[in-house]
Amino acid sequence: MPIPLLWSTLGFSLLAIALYVFFGEFLRTWFRYRGVRLIVCPENYQPAAVKVDAMRAARWAALSGEAEVKLSTCSRWPEKAGCGQECLCQIEESPERTALQAIVQVWFSGKRCHYCRLVLDEAAALLTREGEVIEWTAIEPEDVPNFLSLAQPVCRRCFIVESFRHEHPEMVIERVHQAEGTTTIPPTPNAVF
C-alpha cells in the first residue's frame, strides 16, 4: 500500500472515529434531556413543567463529556424567571423519571378502561369528575398530576366513541338493555318446537 494512501486512510479513520464519538454523545444527551419534564418546585413544593435546553446540554456533553443542564422554559416563568434553578438536581438525578411522557405512561400502564374494562398499555384519555372525556395531551403539563389523581383512564377506542357521542348527540341512539328477569319468554302459538 502506498504511503500517501495509508496516511489518508488513517486520517479518514481518525476523523470518522472523532465524528462518531462527538455525534454519538451529542445525540445521547439530546435524547436524554429533550421534552417536557415534571418536577416539584423547591420554592412552593408544587408541580411545575419545565424544559431543559437540550441543544446546549448536548453540545457541552459532546465537547467536554459533561452536560451543562439549564432550563429553557418553566411554567412558573416569567414571574419567577430569576430563580436559582434548584430543581435541576431532580432532572439530573433521573432524566427518565421526570419526563412527562414517562410519568403518564407509568400511570396508565396496567389500568383498566372505565368503559370497556380493557387493560391499557398506552396513554390515551381521561374521564374527569365532571364526566368529560379528554385526551391527556390536552391538559397543561403542570396540572397532569392533579388530573391523574382525580380521573379515570379511558382507552383510545372508547375516547373516540365518547367524543363522538358528546359532540354529535343528535346522531346517536341510546339503547339501554334491561336485564332479563328469571322468567322466559313464552313460545308463540305457531312454534314448531
N, C-alpha and C. Protein backbone atom coordinates (compact mmCIF):
# COMPACT_ATOMS: atom_id res chain seq x y z
N MET A 1 0.85 -1.18 0.00
CA MET A 1 0.00 0.00 0.00
C MET A 1 0.90 1.24 0.00
N PRO A 2 0.67 2.18 -0.91
CA PRO A 2 1.49 3.39 -0.97
C PRO A 2 1.31 4.23 0.31
N ILE A 3 2.35 4.95 0.66
CA ILE A 3 2.38 5.76 1.89
C ILE A 3 1.28 6.83 1.88
N PRO A 4 1.06 7.61 0.80
CA PRO A 4 0.00 8.63 0.83
C PRO A 4 -1.39 8.02 1.06
N LEU A 5 -1.64 6.88 0.47
CA LEU A 5 -2.93 6.22 0.66
C LEU A 5 -3.08 5.74 2.10
N LEU A 6 -2.02 5.28 2.69
CA LEU A 6 -2.03 4.84 4.08
C LEU A 6 -2.34 5.99 5.02
N TRP A 7 -1.68 7.14 4.78
CA TRP A 7 -1.92 8.31 5.63
C TRP A 7 -3.35 8.85 5.45
N SER A 8 -3.84 8.88 4.24
CA SER A 8 -5.22 9.37 4.03
C SER A 8 -6.24 8.41 4.65
N THR A 9 -6.00 7.11 4.55
CA THR A 9 -6.90 6.14 5.19
C THR A 9 -6.88 6.29 6.70
N LEU A 10 -5.70 6.46 7.24
CA LEU A 10 -5.56 6.67 8.69
C LEU A 10 -6.25 7.96 9.11
N GLY A 11 -6.08 9.02 8.32
CA GLY A 11 -6.72 10.31 8.62
C GLY A 11 -8.24 10.22 8.58
N PHE A 12 -8.76 9.59 7.55
CA PHE A 12 -10.22 9.42 7.45
C PHE A 12 -10.75 8.55 8.58
N SER A 13 -10.00 7.56 8.97
CA SER A 13 -10.43 6.68 10.08
C SER A 13 -10.50 7.46 11.39
N LEU A 14 -9.48 8.25 11.66
CA LEU A 14 -9.47 9.06 12.89
C LEU A 14 -10.60 10.10 12.87
N LEU A 15 -10.82 10.70 11.71
CA LEU A 15 -11.91 11.67 11.59
C LEU A 15 -13.26 11.00 11.80
N ALA A 16 -13.45 9.81 11.23
CA ALA A 16 -14.71 9.07 11.41
C ALA A 16 -14.92 8.70 12.87
N ILE A 17 -13.87 8.28 13.56
CA ILE A 17 -14.00 7.93 14.98
C ILE A 17 -14.34 9.17 15.80
N ALA A 18 -13.68 10.30 15.52
CA ALA A 18 -13.96 11.54 16.25
C ALA A 18 -15.40 11.99 16.03
N LEU A 19 -15.86 11.93 14.78
CA LEU A 19 -17.24 12.32 14.49
C LEU A 19 -18.24 11.38 15.17
N TYR A 20 -17.93 10.09 15.17
CA TYR A 20 -18.81 9.12 15.83
C TYR A 20 -18.92 9.40 17.32
N VAL A 21 -17.78 9.67 17.96
CA VAL A 21 -17.78 9.96 19.40
C VAL A 21 -18.52 11.26 19.66
N PHE A 22 -18.23 12.30 18.87
CA PHE A 22 -18.87 13.60 19.08
C PHE A 22 -20.37 13.51 18.88
N PHE A 23 -20.82 13.02 17.73
CA PHE A 23 -22.24 12.98 17.43
C PHE A 23 -22.97 11.92 18.26
N GLY A 24 -22.28 10.85 18.60
CA GLY A 24 -22.91 9.84 19.47
C GLY A 24 -23.26 10.42 20.82
N GLU A 25 -22.30 11.11 21.44
CA GLU A 25 -22.56 11.74 22.75
C GLU A 25 -23.58 12.86 22.61
N PHE A 26 -23.49 13.62 21.52
CA PHE A 26 -24.44 14.71 21.27
C PHE A 26 -25.87 14.16 21.23
N LEU A 27 -26.08 13.12 20.43
CA LEU A 27 -27.43 12.57 20.27
C LEU A 27 -27.93 11.89 21.56
N ARG A 28 -27.06 11.17 22.25
CA ARG A 28 -27.46 10.53 23.52
C ARG A 28 -27.94 11.57 24.51
N THR A 29 -27.18 12.64 24.66
CA THR A 29 -27.54 13.69 25.62
C THR A 29 -28.79 14.42 25.18
N TRP A 30 -28.90 14.71 23.89
CA TRP A 30 -30.09 15.42 23.41
C TRP A 30 -31.36 14.60 23.66
N PHE A 31 -31.32 13.30 23.36
CA PHE A 31 -32.49 12.44 23.62
C PHE A 31 -32.79 12.33 25.11
N ARG A 32 -31.77 12.36 25.93
CA ARG A 32 -31.97 12.23 27.38
C ARG A 32 -32.69 13.45 27.97
N TYR A 33 -32.40 14.64 27.44
CA TYR A 33 -32.92 15.86 28.06
C TYR A 33 -34.01 16.58 27.26
N ARG A 34 -34.41 16.07 26.12
CA ARG A 34 -35.44 16.77 25.33
C ARG A 34 -36.82 16.52 25.94
N GLY A 35 -37.78 17.38 25.60
CA GLY A 35 -39.17 17.19 26.02
C GLY A 35 -39.52 17.87 27.34
N VAL A 36 -40.79 17.79 27.67
CA VAL A 36 -41.32 18.40 28.89
C VAL A 36 -41.03 17.50 30.07
N ARG A 37 -40.66 18.12 31.17
CA ARG A 37 -40.36 17.40 32.42
C ARG A 37 -41.25 17.94 33.53
N LEU A 38 -41.64 17.05 34.41
CA LEU A 38 -42.40 17.45 35.60
C LEU A 38 -41.48 17.36 36.80
N ILE A 39 -41.40 18.46 37.53
CA ILE A 39 -40.57 18.50 38.73
C ILE A 39 -41.42 19.07 39.86
N VAL A 40 -40.91 18.98 41.06
CA VAL A 40 -41.54 19.63 42.21
C VAL A 40 -40.72 20.89 42.48
N CYS A 41 -41.37 22.03 42.39
CA CYS A 41 -40.67 23.30 42.58
C CYS A 41 -40.19 23.38 44.03
N PRO A 42 -38.89 23.61 44.25
CA PRO A 42 -38.39 23.68 45.63
C PRO A 42 -38.91 24.88 46.41
N GLU A 43 -39.42 25.87 45.71
CA GLU A 43 -39.90 27.08 46.39
C GLU A 43 -41.26 26.88 47.03
N ASN A 44 -42.22 26.26 46.29
CA ASN A 44 -43.58 26.11 46.83
C ASN A 44 -44.04 24.66 46.89
N TYR A 45 -43.18 23.72 46.52
CA TYR A 45 -43.48 22.28 46.57
C TYR A 45 -44.70 21.89 45.76
N GLN A 46 -44.91 22.58 44.65
CA GLN A 46 -45.99 22.29 43.72
C GLN A 46 -45.39 21.78 42.41
N PRO A 47 -46.17 21.00 41.65
CA PRO A 47 -45.64 20.54 40.36
C PRO A 47 -45.42 21.70 39.40
N ALA A 48 -44.37 21.60 38.63
CA ALA A 48 -44.07 22.60 37.61
C ALA A 48 -43.59 21.86 36.36
N ALA A 49 -43.94 22.40 35.22
CA ALA A 49 -43.49 21.83 33.94
C ALA A 49 -42.33 22.64 33.44
N VAL A 50 -41.24 21.96 33.12
CA VAL A 50 -40.04 22.64 32.65
C VAL A 50 -39.53 21.97 31.38
N LYS A 51 -38.71 22.72 30.65
CA LYS A 51 -37.98 22.17 29.51
C LYS A 51 -36.52 22.53 29.70
N VAL A 52 -35.68 21.54 29.47
CA VAL A 52 -34.24 21.74 29.54
C VAL A 52 -33.76 22.20 28.16
N ASP A 53 -32.77 23.06 28.16
CA ASP A 53 -32.14 23.46 26.90
C ASP A 53 -31.30 22.28 26.43
N ALA A 54 -31.94 21.35 25.73
CA ALA A 54 -31.32 20.08 25.35
C ALA A 54 -30.18 20.28 24.35
N MET A 55 -30.28 21.26 23.48
CA MET A 55 -29.21 21.50 22.50
C MET A 55 -27.94 21.97 23.21
N ARG A 56 -28.10 22.84 24.17
CA ARG A 56 -26.93 23.34 24.92
C ARG A 56 -26.28 22.19 25.70
N ALA A 57 -27.13 21.40 26.36
CA ALA A 57 -26.61 20.27 27.14
C ALA A 57 -25.89 19.28 26.23
N ALA A 58 -26.45 19.04 25.04
CA ALA A 58 -25.84 18.09 24.11
C ALA A 58 -24.51 18.62 23.57
N ARG A 59 -24.45 19.91 23.26
CA ARG A 59 -23.19 20.49 22.77
C ARG A 59 -22.09 20.37 23.82
N TRP A 60 -22.44 20.72 25.07
CA TRP A 60 -21.43 20.64 26.14
C TRP A 60 -21.01 19.20 26.39
N ALA A 61 -21.95 18.29 26.35
CA ALA A 61 -21.61 16.88 26.57
C ALA A 61 -20.71 16.36 25.46
N ALA A 62 -20.96 16.78 24.23
CA ALA A 62 -20.14 16.32 23.11
C ALA A 62 -18.74 16.91 23.16
N LEU A 63 -18.62 18.15 23.63
CA LEU A 63 -17.31 18.80 23.66
C LEU A 63 -16.50 18.45 24.90
N SER A 64 -17.16 18.45 26.07
CA SER A 64 -16.41 18.28 27.31
C SER A 64 -16.66 16.95 28.01
N GLY A 65 -17.70 16.24 27.61
CA GLY A 65 -18.00 14.97 28.27
C GLY A 65 -19.06 15.08 29.35
N GLU A 66 -19.36 16.30 29.80
CA GLU A 66 -20.40 16.50 30.81
C GLU A 66 -21.42 17.51 30.29
N ALA A 67 -22.69 17.19 30.50
CA ALA A 67 -23.75 18.08 30.03
C ALA A 67 -23.91 19.25 30.98
N GLU A 68 -24.06 20.43 30.42
CA GLU A 68 -24.38 21.62 31.23
C GLU A 68 -25.88 21.81 31.12
N VAL A 69 -26.60 21.48 32.18
CA VAL A 69 -28.05 21.47 32.15
C VAL A 69 -28.59 22.79 32.67
N LYS A 70 -29.36 23.47 31.84
CA LYS A 70 -30.03 24.73 32.19
C LYS A 70 -31.45 24.65 31.66
N LEU A 71 -32.38 25.33 32.33
CA LEU A 71 -33.77 25.36 31.88
C LEU A 71 -33.93 26.35 30.74
N SER A 72 -34.78 25.99 29.78
CA SER A 72 -35.13 26.94 28.72
C SER A 72 -36.52 27.52 28.96
N THR A 73 -37.43 26.75 29.58
CA THR A 73 -38.75 27.25 29.93
C THR A 73 -39.20 26.62 31.25
N CYS A 74 -40.11 27.31 31.91
CA CYS A 74 -40.71 26.81 33.15
C CYS A 74 -42.13 27.36 33.23
N SER A 75 -43.05 26.57 33.76
CA SER A 75 -44.43 27.02 33.86
C SER A 75 -44.60 28.14 34.89
N ARG A 76 -43.61 28.37 35.72
CA ARG A 76 -43.69 29.44 36.71
C ARG A 76 -43.05 30.74 36.21
N TRP A 77 -42.47 30.71 35.02
CA TRP A 77 -41.89 31.91 34.44
C TRP A 77 -42.97 32.68 33.71
N PRO A 78 -42.95 33.93 33.52
CA PRO A 78 -41.90 34.92 33.79
C PRO A 78 -41.90 35.44 35.23
N GLU A 79 -42.90 35.09 36.04
CA GLU A 79 -42.95 35.62 37.40
C GLU A 79 -41.70 35.25 38.20
N LYS A 80 -41.25 34.01 38.07
CA LYS A 80 -40.10 33.50 38.84
C LYS A 80 -38.90 33.23 37.94
N ALA A 81 -38.72 34.05 36.93
CA ALA A 81 -37.66 33.80 35.93
C ALA A 81 -36.26 33.89 36.51
N GLY A 82 -36.06 34.60 37.57
CA GLY A 82 -34.71 34.75 38.12
C GLY A 82 -34.36 33.72 39.18
N CYS A 83 -35.09 32.61 39.21
CA CYS A 83 -34.84 31.60 40.25
C CYS A 83 -33.47 30.95 40.05
N GLY A 84 -33.00 30.27 41.09
CA GLY A 84 -31.69 29.63 41.03
C GLY A 84 -31.68 28.29 40.34
N GLN A 85 -32.82 27.84 39.85
CA GLN A 85 -32.98 26.57 39.14
C GLN A 85 -32.49 25.39 39.99
N GLU A 86 -32.87 25.40 41.28
CA GLU A 86 -32.52 24.30 42.17
C GLU A 86 -33.21 23.00 41.78
N CYS A 87 -34.26 23.09 40.98
CA CYS A 87 -34.99 21.90 40.54
C CYS A 87 -34.18 21.03 39.57
N LEU A 88 -33.11 21.58 39.02
CA LEU A 88 -32.31 20.83 38.05
C LEU A 88 -31.72 19.55 38.63
N CYS A 89 -31.51 19.52 39.94
CA CYS A 89 -30.94 18.30 40.55
C CYS A 89 -31.92 17.13 40.39
N GLN A 90 -33.24 17.40 40.37
CA GLN A 90 -34.22 16.34 40.16
C GLN A 90 -34.09 15.75 38.76
N ILE A 91 -33.85 16.61 37.78
CA ILE A 91 -33.72 16.16 36.39
C ILE A 91 -32.40 15.44 36.18
N GLU A 92 -31.32 15.99 36.72
CA GLU A 92 -30.01 15.36 36.56
C GLU A 92 -29.95 14.01 37.25
N GLU A 93 -30.65 13.90 38.38
CA GLU A 93 -30.66 12.64 39.14
C GLU A 93 -31.35 11.53 38.35
N SER A 94 -32.46 11.86 37.71
CA SER A 94 -33.20 10.85 36.96
C SER A 94 -33.95 11.49 35.79
N PRO A 95 -33.27 11.66 34.64
CA PRO A 95 -33.93 12.28 33.50
C PRO A 95 -35.14 11.48 33.01
N GLU A 96 -35.11 10.15 33.13
CA GLU A 96 -36.21 9.32 32.64
C GLU A 96 -37.45 9.45 33.52
N ARG A 97 -37.27 9.53 34.84
CA ARG A 97 -38.42 9.58 35.75
C ARG A 97 -39.11 10.93 35.75
N THR A 98 -38.43 11.99 35.32
CA THR A 98 -39.06 13.30 35.31
C THR A 98 -39.73 13.62 33.98
N ALA A 99 -39.54 12.80 32.97
CA ALA A 99 -40.14 13.05 31.65
C ALA A 99 -41.66 12.88 31.74
N LEU A 100 -42.39 13.86 31.27
CA LEU A 100 -43.85 13.86 31.35
C LEU A 100 -44.44 12.62 30.70
N GLN A 101 -43.97 12.29 29.51
CA GLN A 101 -44.49 11.12 28.78
C GLN A 101 -44.30 9.85 29.60
N ALA A 102 -43.16 9.70 30.26
CA ALA A 102 -42.89 8.51 31.07
C ALA A 102 -43.79 8.45 32.30
N ILE A 103 -44.03 9.58 32.93
CA ILE A 103 -44.89 9.63 34.11
C ILE A 103 -46.31 9.21 33.75
N VAL A 104 -46.82 9.73 32.66
CA VAL A 104 -48.18 9.40 32.22
C VAL A 104 -48.26 7.93 31.79
N GLN A 105 -47.26 7.45 31.08
CA GLN A 105 -47.25 6.06 30.62
C GLN A 105 -47.27 5.10 31.81
N VAL A 106 -46.50 5.38 32.84
CA VAL A 106 -46.47 4.53 34.03
C VAL A 106 -47.84 4.54 34.71
N TRP A 107 -48.50 5.70 34.76
CA TRP A 107 -49.81 5.78 35.40
C TRP A 107 -50.85 4.95 34.64
N PHE A 108 -50.85 5.03 33.32
CA PHE A 108 -51.83 4.31 32.51
C PHE A 108 -51.56 2.80 32.48
N SER A 109 -50.31 2.42 32.54
CA SER A 109 -49.92 1.03 32.35
C SER A 109 -50.58 0.09 33.36
N GLY A 110 -51.32 -0.90 32.85
CA GLY A 110 -51.96 -1.90 33.69
C GLY A 110 -53.33 -1.51 34.21
N LYS A 111 -53.74 -0.26 34.03
CA LYS A 111 -55.08 0.15 34.47
C LYS A 111 -56.12 -0.32 33.45
N ARG A 112 -57.37 -0.36 33.89
CA ARG A 112 -58.46 -0.77 33.00
C ARG A 112 -59.27 0.44 32.56
N CYS A 113 -59.74 0.38 31.32
CA CYS A 113 -60.57 1.45 30.77
C CYS A 113 -61.86 1.53 31.58
N HIS A 114 -62.28 2.75 31.85
CA HIS A 114 -63.50 2.97 32.63
C HIS A 114 -64.73 2.39 31.94
N TYR A 115 -64.76 2.43 30.62
CA TYR A 115 -65.95 1.99 29.88
C TYR A 115 -65.92 0.50 29.51
N CYS A 116 -64.86 0.06 28.83
CA CYS A 116 -64.86 -1.30 28.29
C CYS A 116 -64.05 -2.29 29.14
N ARG A 117 -63.37 -1.81 30.17
CA ARG A 117 -62.59 -2.63 31.10
C ARG A 117 -61.36 -3.28 30.45
N LEU A 118 -60.95 -2.80 29.29
CA LEU A 118 -59.77 -3.30 28.61
C LEU A 118 -58.52 -2.84 29.39
N VAL A 119 -57.55 -3.74 29.54
CA VAL A 119 -56.30 -3.37 30.21
C VAL A 119 -55.50 -2.49 29.26
N LEU A 120 -55.08 -1.33 29.76
CA LEU A 120 -54.41 -0.35 28.91
C LEU A 120 -52.91 -0.59 28.87
N ASP A 121 -52.33 -0.38 27.70
CA ASP A 121 -50.89 -0.46 27.56
C ASP A 121 -50.31 0.83 26.98
N GLU A 122 -51.17 1.81 26.72
CA GLU A 122 -50.71 3.10 26.21
C GLU A 122 -51.53 4.22 26.85
N ALA A 123 -50.93 5.39 26.94
CA ALA A 123 -51.62 6.56 27.48
C ALA A 123 -52.60 7.08 26.44
N ALA A 124 -53.85 7.28 26.83
CA ALA A 124 -54.85 7.71 25.85
C ALA A 124 -55.65 8.91 26.36
N ALA A 125 -56.68 8.66 27.16
CA ALA A 125 -57.58 9.74 27.57
C ALA A 125 -57.99 9.54 29.03
N LEU A 126 -58.67 10.58 29.54
CA LEU A 126 -59.10 10.57 30.94
C LEU A 126 -60.56 10.97 31.04
N LEU A 127 -61.27 10.34 31.96
CA LEU A 127 -62.63 10.72 32.29
C LEU A 127 -62.56 11.58 33.54
N THR A 128 -62.97 12.86 33.41
CA THR A 128 -62.89 13.78 34.54
C THR A 128 -64.05 13.55 35.49
N ARG A 129 -63.98 14.18 36.64
CA ARG A 129 -65.06 14.05 37.63
C ARG A 129 -66.37 14.64 37.10
N GLU A 130 -66.27 15.59 36.17
CA GLU A 130 -67.46 16.21 35.59
C GLU A 130 -68.08 15.35 34.50
N GLY A 131 -67.47 14.23 34.17
CA GLY A 131 -68.00 13.34 33.15
C GLY A 131 -67.51 13.63 31.74
N GLU A 132 -66.53 14.50 31.61
CA GLU A 132 -65.99 14.84 30.31
C GLU A 132 -64.80 13.93 30.00
N VAL A 133 -64.72 13.47 28.77
CA VAL A 133 -63.60 12.64 28.34
C VAL A 133 -62.65 13.51 27.53
N ILE A 134 -61.40 13.62 28.01
CA ILE A 134 -60.41 14.45 27.33
C ILE A 134 -59.13 13.66 27.11
N GLU A 135 -58.43 14.01 26.06
CA GLU A 135 -57.14 13.38 25.79
C GLU A 135 -56.13 13.95 26.79
N TRP A 136 -55.23 13.12 27.28
CA TRP A 136 -54.32 13.59 28.34
C TRP A 136 -53.40 14.69 27.83
N THR A 137 -53.13 14.74 26.52
CA THR A 137 -52.25 15.78 25.99
C THR A 137 -52.91 17.15 25.98
N ALA A 138 -54.23 17.21 26.19
CA ALA A 138 -54.93 18.50 26.23
C ALA A 138 -54.79 19.19 27.59
N ILE A 139 -54.22 18.50 28.54
CA ILE A 139 -54.06 19.04 29.89
C ILE A 139 -52.74 19.80 29.96
N GLU A 140 -52.74 20.93 30.67
CA GLU A 140 -51.49 21.65 30.88
C GLU A 140 -50.53 20.74 31.63
N PRO A 141 -49.28 20.65 31.22
CA PRO A 141 -48.36 19.69 31.85
C PRO A 141 -48.25 19.80 33.36
N GLU A 142 -48.26 21.01 33.90
CA GLU A 142 -48.13 21.15 35.36
C GLU A 142 -49.39 20.69 36.10
N ASP A 143 -50.53 20.55 35.39
CA ASP A 143 -51.77 20.09 36.01
C ASP A 143 -51.96 18.57 35.89
N VAL A 144 -51.09 17.90 35.18
CA VAL A 144 -51.23 16.46 34.95
C VAL A 144 -51.30 15.66 36.25
N PRO A 145 -50.42 15.90 37.24
CA PRO A 145 -50.53 15.11 38.48
C PRO A 145 -51.89 15.24 39.17
N ASN A 146 -52.46 16.43 39.19
CA ASN A 146 -53.78 16.61 39.80
C ASN A 146 -54.86 15.89 39.02
N PHE A 147 -54.81 15.96 37.69
CA PHE A 147 -55.79 15.26 36.86
C PHE A 147 -55.69 13.76 37.05
N LEU A 148 -54.47 13.24 37.10
CA LEU A 148 -54.29 11.80 37.25
C LEU A 148 -54.82 11.30 38.59
N SER A 149 -54.74 12.13 39.62
CA SER A 149 -55.22 11.69 40.93
C SER A 149 -56.75 11.68 41.01
N LEU A 150 -57.43 12.42 40.14
CA LEU A 150 -58.89 12.53 40.22
C LEU A 150 -59.63 11.88 39.06
N ALA A 151 -58.93 11.45 38.02
CA ALA A 151 -59.59 10.98 36.79
C ALA A 151 -59.53 9.47 36.67
N GLN A 152 -60.33 8.95 35.74
CA GLN A 152 -60.35 7.53 35.41
C GLN A 152 -59.74 7.35 34.02
N PRO A 153 -58.99 6.28 33.79
CA PRO A 153 -58.39 6.06 32.47
C PRO A 153 -59.43 5.61 31.44
N VAL A 154 -59.23 6.00 30.20
CA VAL A 154 -60.12 5.64 29.09
C VAL A 154 -59.23 5.22 27.92
N CYS A 155 -59.58 4.10 27.27
CA CYS A 155 -58.78 3.63 26.13
C CYS A 155 -59.06 4.51 24.90
N ARG A 156 -58.24 4.37 23.88
CA ARG A 156 -58.37 5.20 22.68
C ARG A 156 -59.69 4.96 21.96
N ARG A 157 -60.14 3.70 21.86
CA ARG A 157 -61.41 3.42 21.17
C ARG A 157 -62.59 4.06 21.90
N CYS A 158 -62.64 3.90 23.21
CA CYS A 158 -63.74 4.49 23.97
C CYS A 158 -63.68 6.01 23.95
N PHE A 159 -62.47 6.57 23.89
CA PHE A 159 -62.32 8.02 23.79
C PHE A 159 -62.96 8.52 22.49
N ILE A 160 -62.71 7.82 21.39
CA ILE A 160 -63.29 8.21 20.10
C ILE A 160 -64.81 8.12 20.14
N VAL A 161 -65.32 7.01 20.70
CA VAL A 161 -66.77 6.82 20.77
C VAL A 161 -67.41 7.88 21.65
N GLU A 162 -66.86 8.10 22.83
CA GLU A 162 -67.44 9.07 23.76
C GLU A 162 -67.33 10.50 23.25
N SER A 163 -66.24 10.81 22.57
CA SER A 163 -66.09 12.15 21.97
C SER A 163 -67.17 12.38 20.92
N PHE A 164 -67.38 11.38 20.07
CA PHE A 164 -68.42 11.50 19.05
C PHE A 164 -69.79 11.65 19.71
N ARG A 165 -70.05 10.86 20.74
CA ARG A 165 -71.33 10.90 21.44
C ARG A 165 -71.60 12.28 22.04
N HIS A 166 -70.55 12.93 22.57
CA HIS A 166 -70.72 14.25 23.18
C HIS A 166 -70.79 15.36 22.14
N GLU A 167 -70.07 15.22 21.02
CA GLU A 167 -70.06 16.26 20.00
C GLU A 167 -71.29 16.20 19.09
N HIS A 168 -71.85 15.01 18.87
CA HIS A 168 -72.97 14.84 17.96
C HIS A 168 -74.08 14.02 18.62
N PRO A 169 -74.71 14.53 19.66
CA PRO A 169 -75.75 13.74 20.33
C PRO A 169 -76.96 13.47 19.43
N GLU A 170 -77.19 14.31 18.42
CA GLU A 170 -78.33 14.11 17.53
C GLU A 170 -78.13 12.90 16.62
N MET A 171 -76.92 12.42 16.49
CA MET A 171 -76.64 11.28 15.61
C MET A 171 -76.49 9.96 16.37
N VAL A 172 -76.72 10.00 17.67
CA VAL A 172 -76.52 8.81 18.49
C VAL A 172 -77.85 8.35 19.06
N ILE A 173 -78.10 7.06 18.98
CA ILE A 173 -79.30 6.47 19.58
C ILE A 173 -78.84 5.69 20.80
N GLU A 174 -79.36 6.08 21.94
CA GLU A 174 -79.01 5.39 23.19
C GLU A 174 -79.95 4.20 23.36
N ARG A 175 -79.39 3.03 23.50
CA ARG A 175 -80.18 1.83 23.74
C ARG A 175 -79.79 1.28 25.11
N VAL A 176 -80.73 1.28 25.99
CA VAL A 176 -80.49 0.74 27.32
C VAL A 176 -81.09 -0.65 27.37
N HIS A 177 -80.27 -1.65 27.62
CA HIS A 177 -80.73 -3.02 27.68
C HIS A 177 -81.16 -3.35 29.10
N GLN A 178 -82.41 -3.73 29.21
CA GLN A 178 -82.92 -4.13 30.52
C GLN A 178 -82.43 -5.53 30.83
N ALA A 179 -82.09 -5.77 32.05
CA ALA A 179 -81.66 -7.11 32.44
C ALA A 179 -82.86 -8.04 32.37
N GLU A 180 -82.63 -9.23 31.79
CA GLU A 180 -83.73 -10.18 31.69
C GLU A 180 -84.06 -10.73 33.06
N GLY A 181 -85.33 -10.92 33.28
CA GLY A 181 -85.79 -11.48 34.55
C GLY A 181 -85.60 -12.99 34.57
N THR A 182 -86.09 -13.61 35.59
CA THR A 182 -85.92 -15.05 35.73
C THR A 182 -86.92 -15.81 34.86
N THR A 183 -87.97 -15.17 34.43
CA THR A 183 -88.95 -15.86 33.59
C THR A 183 -88.50 -15.83 32.14
N THR A 184 -88.87 -16.81 31.39
CA THR A 184 -88.53 -16.86 29.97
C THR A 184 -89.70 -16.36 29.16
N ILE A 185 -89.44 -16.04 27.91
CA ILE A 185 -90.49 -15.56 27.02
C ILE A 185 -91.30 -16.77 26.58
N PRO A 186 -92.63 -16.72 26.70
CA PRO A 186 -93.44 -17.87 26.31
C PRO A 186 -93.36 -18.06 24.79
N PRO A 187 -93.40 -19.31 24.31
CA PRO A 187 -93.35 -19.56 22.87
C PRO A 187 -94.60 -19.04 22.18
N THR A 188 -94.46 -18.70 20.92
CA THR A 188 -95.61 -18.23 20.13
C THR A 188 -96.50 -19.43 19.79
N PRO A 189 -97.78 -19.19 19.50
CA PRO A 189 -98.68 -20.30 19.21
C PRO A 189 -98.28 -21.10 17.97
N ASN A 190 -97.57 -20.48 17.03
CA ASN A 190 -97.19 -21.17 15.81
C ASN A 190 -95.81 -21.84 15.94
N ALA A 191 -95.31 -21.99 17.12
CA ALA A 191 -93.99 -22.56 17.29
C ALA A 191 -93.94 -24.00 16.86
N VAL A 192 -92.91 -24.39 16.16
CA VAL A 192 -92.73 -25.74 15.67
C VAL A 192 -92.16 -26.63 16.76
N PHE A 193 -91.39 -26.12 17.63
CA PHE A 193 -90.73 -26.93 18.64
C PHE A 193 -91.55 -27.14 19.82
